[in-house]
Amino acid sequence: MNEEDKNSRMYKIAAGKGVMNLPNKLTISRVIMIPVFVLFFYLDFTAHYFVALFVFAIAGLTDLFDGKIARKYNLVTNLGKFLDPIADKVLVLSAFVVFVTVPQIFNANLGNWAIIAAGCGVAVILAREIIISGFRMVAAGAGIVIAADNIGKYKTVTQDICIVVLLVGEGVQELTSHLAGKIINYTGLVLFAVAVLLTVISGINYIVKNKSVLKQ
């Protein structure tokens, strides 16, 4: 056994080969951090938006590492396959939902129509995730695996960046009246519009590319 195989074997032992291995623990920790993120988002103290951003970033890092570790060290489990996508979606959707409850995030001096548009956008994102999740379940029942495509990946990245930018913008505006906070906020709103557009396109693309599933 060479050195690399020994290291891999030792890592598997340390990480655990059962259901509650390291990747699954990271995924579960991401689920636990969702209410923590929401809590700090609403708590009224100086720089609470930045604390919420920190929690969101840590949760995002667990998403980055759990899948890589599971695949690299053959620690993939059904529990992980089930929890990982759910944790990702609930984290992002929770962020957008709480954003809608704080009018100034989407208002940006643009009037109530901006808040209404943002609410519709969040509803579209939520509906897309529910529809595609159900679509994948139907496909899985037919023995078809629907893998994530590039548009879906771009959608996910854009949503994550949008959340980070909006949190930074709100945090800056909370601490100072400098114009930078508003500029960051406007940037986040543009990213939100792009994220909603990519959400719609990716959802339609999934169904069109796999429409044979609905004919079975």
Protein backbone atom coordinates (compact mmCIF):
# COMPACT_ATOMS: atom_id res chain seq x y z
CA MET A 1 0.00 0.00 0.00
CA ASN A 2 1.53 3.31 -1.07
CA GLU A 3 1.57 6.47 1.03
CA GLU A 4 -1.41 8.04 -0.76
CA ASP A 5 -3.58 4.95 -0.16
CA LYS A 6 -2.55 4.92 3.50
CA ASN A 7 -3.49 8.58 3.90
CA SER A 8 -6.83 7.98 2.18
CA ARG A 9 -7.54 4.98 4.42
CA MET A 10 -6.63 6.93 7.54
CA TYR A 11 -8.88 9.80 6.45
CA LYS A 12 -11.80 7.44 5.90
CA ILE A 13 -11.32 6.04 9.40
CA ALA A 14 -11.11 9.54 10.88
CA ALA A 15 -14.08 10.82 8.90
CA GLY A 16 -16.19 7.76 9.59
CA LYS A 17 -17.58 5.37 7.01
CA GLY A 18 -21.07 5.12 8.49
CA VAL A 19 -24.12 7.27 7.81
CA MET A 20 -22.91 9.99 10.20
CA ASN A 21 -19.60 10.54 8.44
CA LEU A 22 -17.85 13.88 8.10
CA PRO A 23 -19.63 15.06 4.90
CA ASN A 24 -23.05 14.34 6.43
CA LYS A 25 -22.05 16.12 9.64
CA LEU A 26 -21.10 19.16 7.55
CA THR A 27 -24.45 19.01 5.76
CA ILE A 28 -26.37 18.75 9.04
CA SER A 29 -24.36 21.64 10.47
CA ARG A 30 -25.51 23.70 7.46
CA VAL A 31 -29.12 22.90 8.31
CA ILE A 32 -28.52 23.94 11.92
CA MET A 33 -26.95 27.23 10.79
CA ILE A 34 -30.07 28.27 8.86
CA PRO A 35 -32.08 29.34 11.95
CA VAL A 36 -28.88 30.87 13.37
CA PHE A 37 -28.56 32.97 10.22
CA VAL A 38 -32.20 34.08 10.48
CA LEU A 39 -31.75 34.89 14.18
CA PHE A 40 -28.77 37.20 13.63
CA PHE A 41 -30.46 38.77 10.62
CA TYR A 42 -33.33 39.97 12.81
CA LEU A 43 -31.48 40.69 16.09
CA ASP A 44 -31.13 44.45 16.47
CA PHE A 45 -27.52 45.17 17.38
CA THR A 46 -24.64 46.94 15.66
CA ALA A 47 -23.31 45.03 12.64
CA HIS A 48 -25.85 42.21 12.96
CA TYR A 49 -26.10 42.00 9.17
CA PHE A 50 -22.39 41.26 8.97
CA VAL A 51 -22.75 38.56 11.63
CA ALA A 52 -25.58 37.04 9.59
CA LEU A 53 -23.32 37.27 6.52
CA PHE A 54 -20.57 35.42 8.40
CA VAL A 55 -22.98 32.60 9.32
CA PHE A 56 -24.21 32.41 5.71
CA ALA A 57 -20.60 32.28 4.44
CA ILE A 58 -19.68 29.46 6.85
CA ALA A 59 -22.78 27.54 5.78
CA GLY A 60 -21.77 28.06 2.16
CA LEU A 61 -18.30 26.69 2.87
CA THR A 62 -19.78 23.49 4.31
CA ASP A 63 -21.64 23.11 1.00
CA LEU A 64 -18.34 23.50 -0.85
CA PHE A 65 -16.51 20.85 1.15
CA ASP A 66 -19.06 18.16 2.03
CA GLY A 67 -19.59 16.99 -1.55
CA LYS A 68 -15.89 17.08 -2.42
CA ILE A 69 -14.94 15.07 0.66
CA ALA A 70 -17.73 12.55 0.09
CA ARG A 71 -16.71 11.93 -3.53
CA LYS A 72 -12.95 11.93 -2.96
CA TYR A 73 -13.01 9.47 -0.07
CA ASN A 74 -16.02 7.40 -1.20
CA LEU A 75 -18.20 8.55 1.69
CA VAL A 76 -21.34 9.11 -0.38
CA THR A 77 -24.52 7.96 1.41
CA ASN A 78 -28.24 8.12 0.65
CA LEU A 79 -28.66 10.43 3.64
CA GLY A 80 -26.15 12.82 2.11
CA LYS A 81 -27.81 12.67 -1.31
CA PHE A 82 -31.13 13.49 0.36
CA LEU A 83 -30.01 16.22 2.78
CA ASP A 84 -27.40 18.10 0.73
CA PRO A 85 -29.67 19.61 -1.97
CA ILE A 86 -32.40 20.32 0.60
CA ALA A 87 -29.96 22.15 2.89
CA ASP A 88 -28.69 24.24 -0.05
CA LYS A 89 -32.16 25.26 -1.20
CA VAL A 90 -33.54 25.99 2.28
CA LEU A 91 -30.51 28.16 3.11
CA VAL A 92 -30.89 30.30 -0.02
CA LEU A 93 -34.69 30.47 0.13
CA SER A 94 -34.60 31.42 3.82
CA ALA A 95 -32.30 34.33 2.99
CA PHE A 96 -34.56 35.65 0.22
CA VAL A 97 -37.71 35.25 2.33
CA VAL A 98 -36.29 37.21 5.27
CA PHE A 99 -35.03 39.88 2.85
CA VAL A 100 -38.60 40.50 1.71
CA THR A 101 -39.64 41.19 5.32
CA VAL A 102 -37.19 44.12 5.53
CA PRO A 103 -38.58 46.67 3.03
CA GLN A 104 -35.46 48.85 2.71
CA ILE A 105 -33.44 45.99 1.21
CA PHE A 106 -35.55 45.91 -1.95
CA ASN A 107 -37.05 49.40 -1.77
CA ALA A 108 -33.82 51.34 -2.43
CA ASN A 109 -35.86 54.55 -2.80
CA LEU A 110 -37.56 53.04 -5.85
CA GLY A 111 -41.02 52.91 -4.25
CA ASN A 112 -43.38 50.13 -3.19
CA TRP A 113 -43.42 48.65 -6.69
CA ALA A 114 -39.83 47.48 -6.12
CA ILE A 115 -40.88 45.55 -3.00
CA ILE A 116 -43.82 44.01 -4.87
CA ALA A 117 -41.53 43.00 -7.75
CA ALA A 118 -39.05 41.53 -5.27
CA GLY A 119 -41.81 39.53 -3.59
CA CYS A 120 -42.86 38.16 -6.97
CA GLY A 121 -39.24 37.30 -7.73
CA VAL A 122 -38.83 35.40 -4.47
CA ALA A 123 -42.10 33.55 -5.18
CA VAL A 124 -40.76 32.57 -8.62
CA ILE A 125 -37.52 31.25 -7.09
CA LEU A 126 -39.48 29.27 -4.48
CA ALA A 127 -41.89 27.86 -7.06
CA ARG A 128 -39.07 26.84 -9.39
CA GLU A 129 -37.28 24.88 -6.66
CA ILE A 130 -40.47 23.06 -5.67
CA ILE A 131 -41.39 22.26 -9.28
CA ILE A 132 -37.93 21.00 -10.27
CA SER A 133 -37.56 18.98 -7.06
CA GLY A 134 -40.87 17.28 -7.81
CA PHE A 135 -39.86 16.80 -11.43
CA ARG A 136 -36.64 15.10 -10.35
CA MET A 137 -38.57 12.80 -8.03
CA VAL A 138 -40.82 11.74 -10.91
CA ALA A 139 -37.75 11.20 -13.11
CA ALA A 140 -36.03 9.16 -10.40
CA GLY A 141 -39.12 6.98 -10.15
CA ALA A 142 -38.73 6.31 -13.87
CA GLY A 143 -35.05 5.47 -13.41
CA ILE A 144 -33.83 8.74 -14.93
CA VAL A 145 -31.22 10.89 -13.20
CA ILE A 146 -31.42 14.59 -14.03
CA ALA A 147 -28.01 16.15 -13.48
CA ALA A 148 -27.45 19.85 -12.88
CA ASP A 149 -26.68 21.76 -16.07
CA ASN A 150 -24.57 24.89 -16.53
CA ILE A 151 -27.53 27.28 -16.41
CA GLY A 152 -28.61 25.77 -13.11
CA LYS A 153 -25.08 26.19 -11.74
CA TYR A 154 -24.94 29.82 -12.89
CA LYS A 155 -28.31 30.36 -11.23
CA THR A 156 -27.04 28.99 -7.93
CA VAL A 157 -23.83 31.03 -7.99
CA THR A 158 -25.73 34.22 -8.88
CA GLN A 159 -28.21 33.68 -6.06
CA ASP A 160 -25.41 33.16 -3.53
CA ILE A 161 -23.49 36.24 -4.69
CA CYS A 162 -26.71 38.28 -4.66
CA ILE A 163 -27.39 37.34 -1.03
CA VAL A 164 -23.84 38.24 0.01
CA VAL A 165 -23.93 41.60 -1.80
CA LEU A 166 -27.33 42.56 -0.36
CA LEU A 167 -26.16 41.69 3.16
CA VAL A 168 -22.99 43.72 2.70
CA GLY A 169 -24.96 46.67 1.32
CA GLU A 170 -27.42 46.61 4.19
CA GLY A 171 -24.60 46.24 6.71
CA VAL A 172 -22.71 49.21 5.29
CA GLN A 173 -25.85 51.36 5.27
CA GLU A 174 -26.52 50.38 8.88
CA LEU A 175 -23.08 51.55 10.00
CA THR A 176 -22.67 54.65 7.82
CA SER A 177 -24.66 56.95 5.57
CA HIS A 178 -21.95 56.75 2.91
CA LEU A 179 -23.09 56.42 -0.70
CA ALA A 180 -21.15 53.14 -0.98
CA GLY A 181 -23.89 51.28 0.87
CA LYS A 182 -26.54 52.35 -1.64
CA ILE A 183 -24.30 51.48 -4.59
CA ILE A 184 -23.71 48.01 -3.16
CA ASN A 185 -27.45 47.64 -2.57
CA TYR A 186 -28.27 48.60 -6.18
CA THR A 187 -25.66 46.08 -7.36
CA GLY A 188 -27.38 43.41 -5.28
CA LEU A 189 -30.75 44.30 -6.80
CA VAL A 190 -29.34 43.91 -10.31
CA LEU A 191 -27.92 40.52 -9.32
CA PHE A 192 -31.32 39.58 -7.89
CA ALA A 193 -32.99 40.39 -11.21
CA VAL A 194 -30.39 38.28 -13.03
CA ALA A 195 -30.87 35.44 -10.52
CA VAL A 196 -34.66 35.46 -11.08
CA LEU A 197 -34.16 35.42 -14.85
CA LEU A 198 -31.69 32.51 -14.65
CA THR A 199 -34.07 30.72 -12.29
CA VAL A 200 -36.86 30.85 -14.85
CA ILE A 201 -34.60 29.89 -17.77
CA SER A 202 -32.99 26.99 -15.92
CA GLY A 203 -36.37 25.67 -14.76
CA ILE A 204 -37.78 25.72 -18.28
CA ASN A 205 -34.57 24.21 -19.62
CA TYR A 206 -34.73 21.26 -17.19
CA ILE A 207 -38.30 20.42 -18.21
CA VAL A 208 -37.81 20.92 -21.96
CA LYS A 209 -34.63 18.80 -22.03
CA ASN A 210 -36.33 16.03 -20.07
CA LYS A 211 -39.93 16.36 -21.28
CA SER A 212 -39.95 12.64 -22.08
CA VAL A 213 -40.30 12.05 -18.32
CA LEU A 214 -43.78 13.59 -18.37
CA LYS A 215 -44.86 11.35 -21.27
CA GLN A 216 -44.20 8.13 -19.43
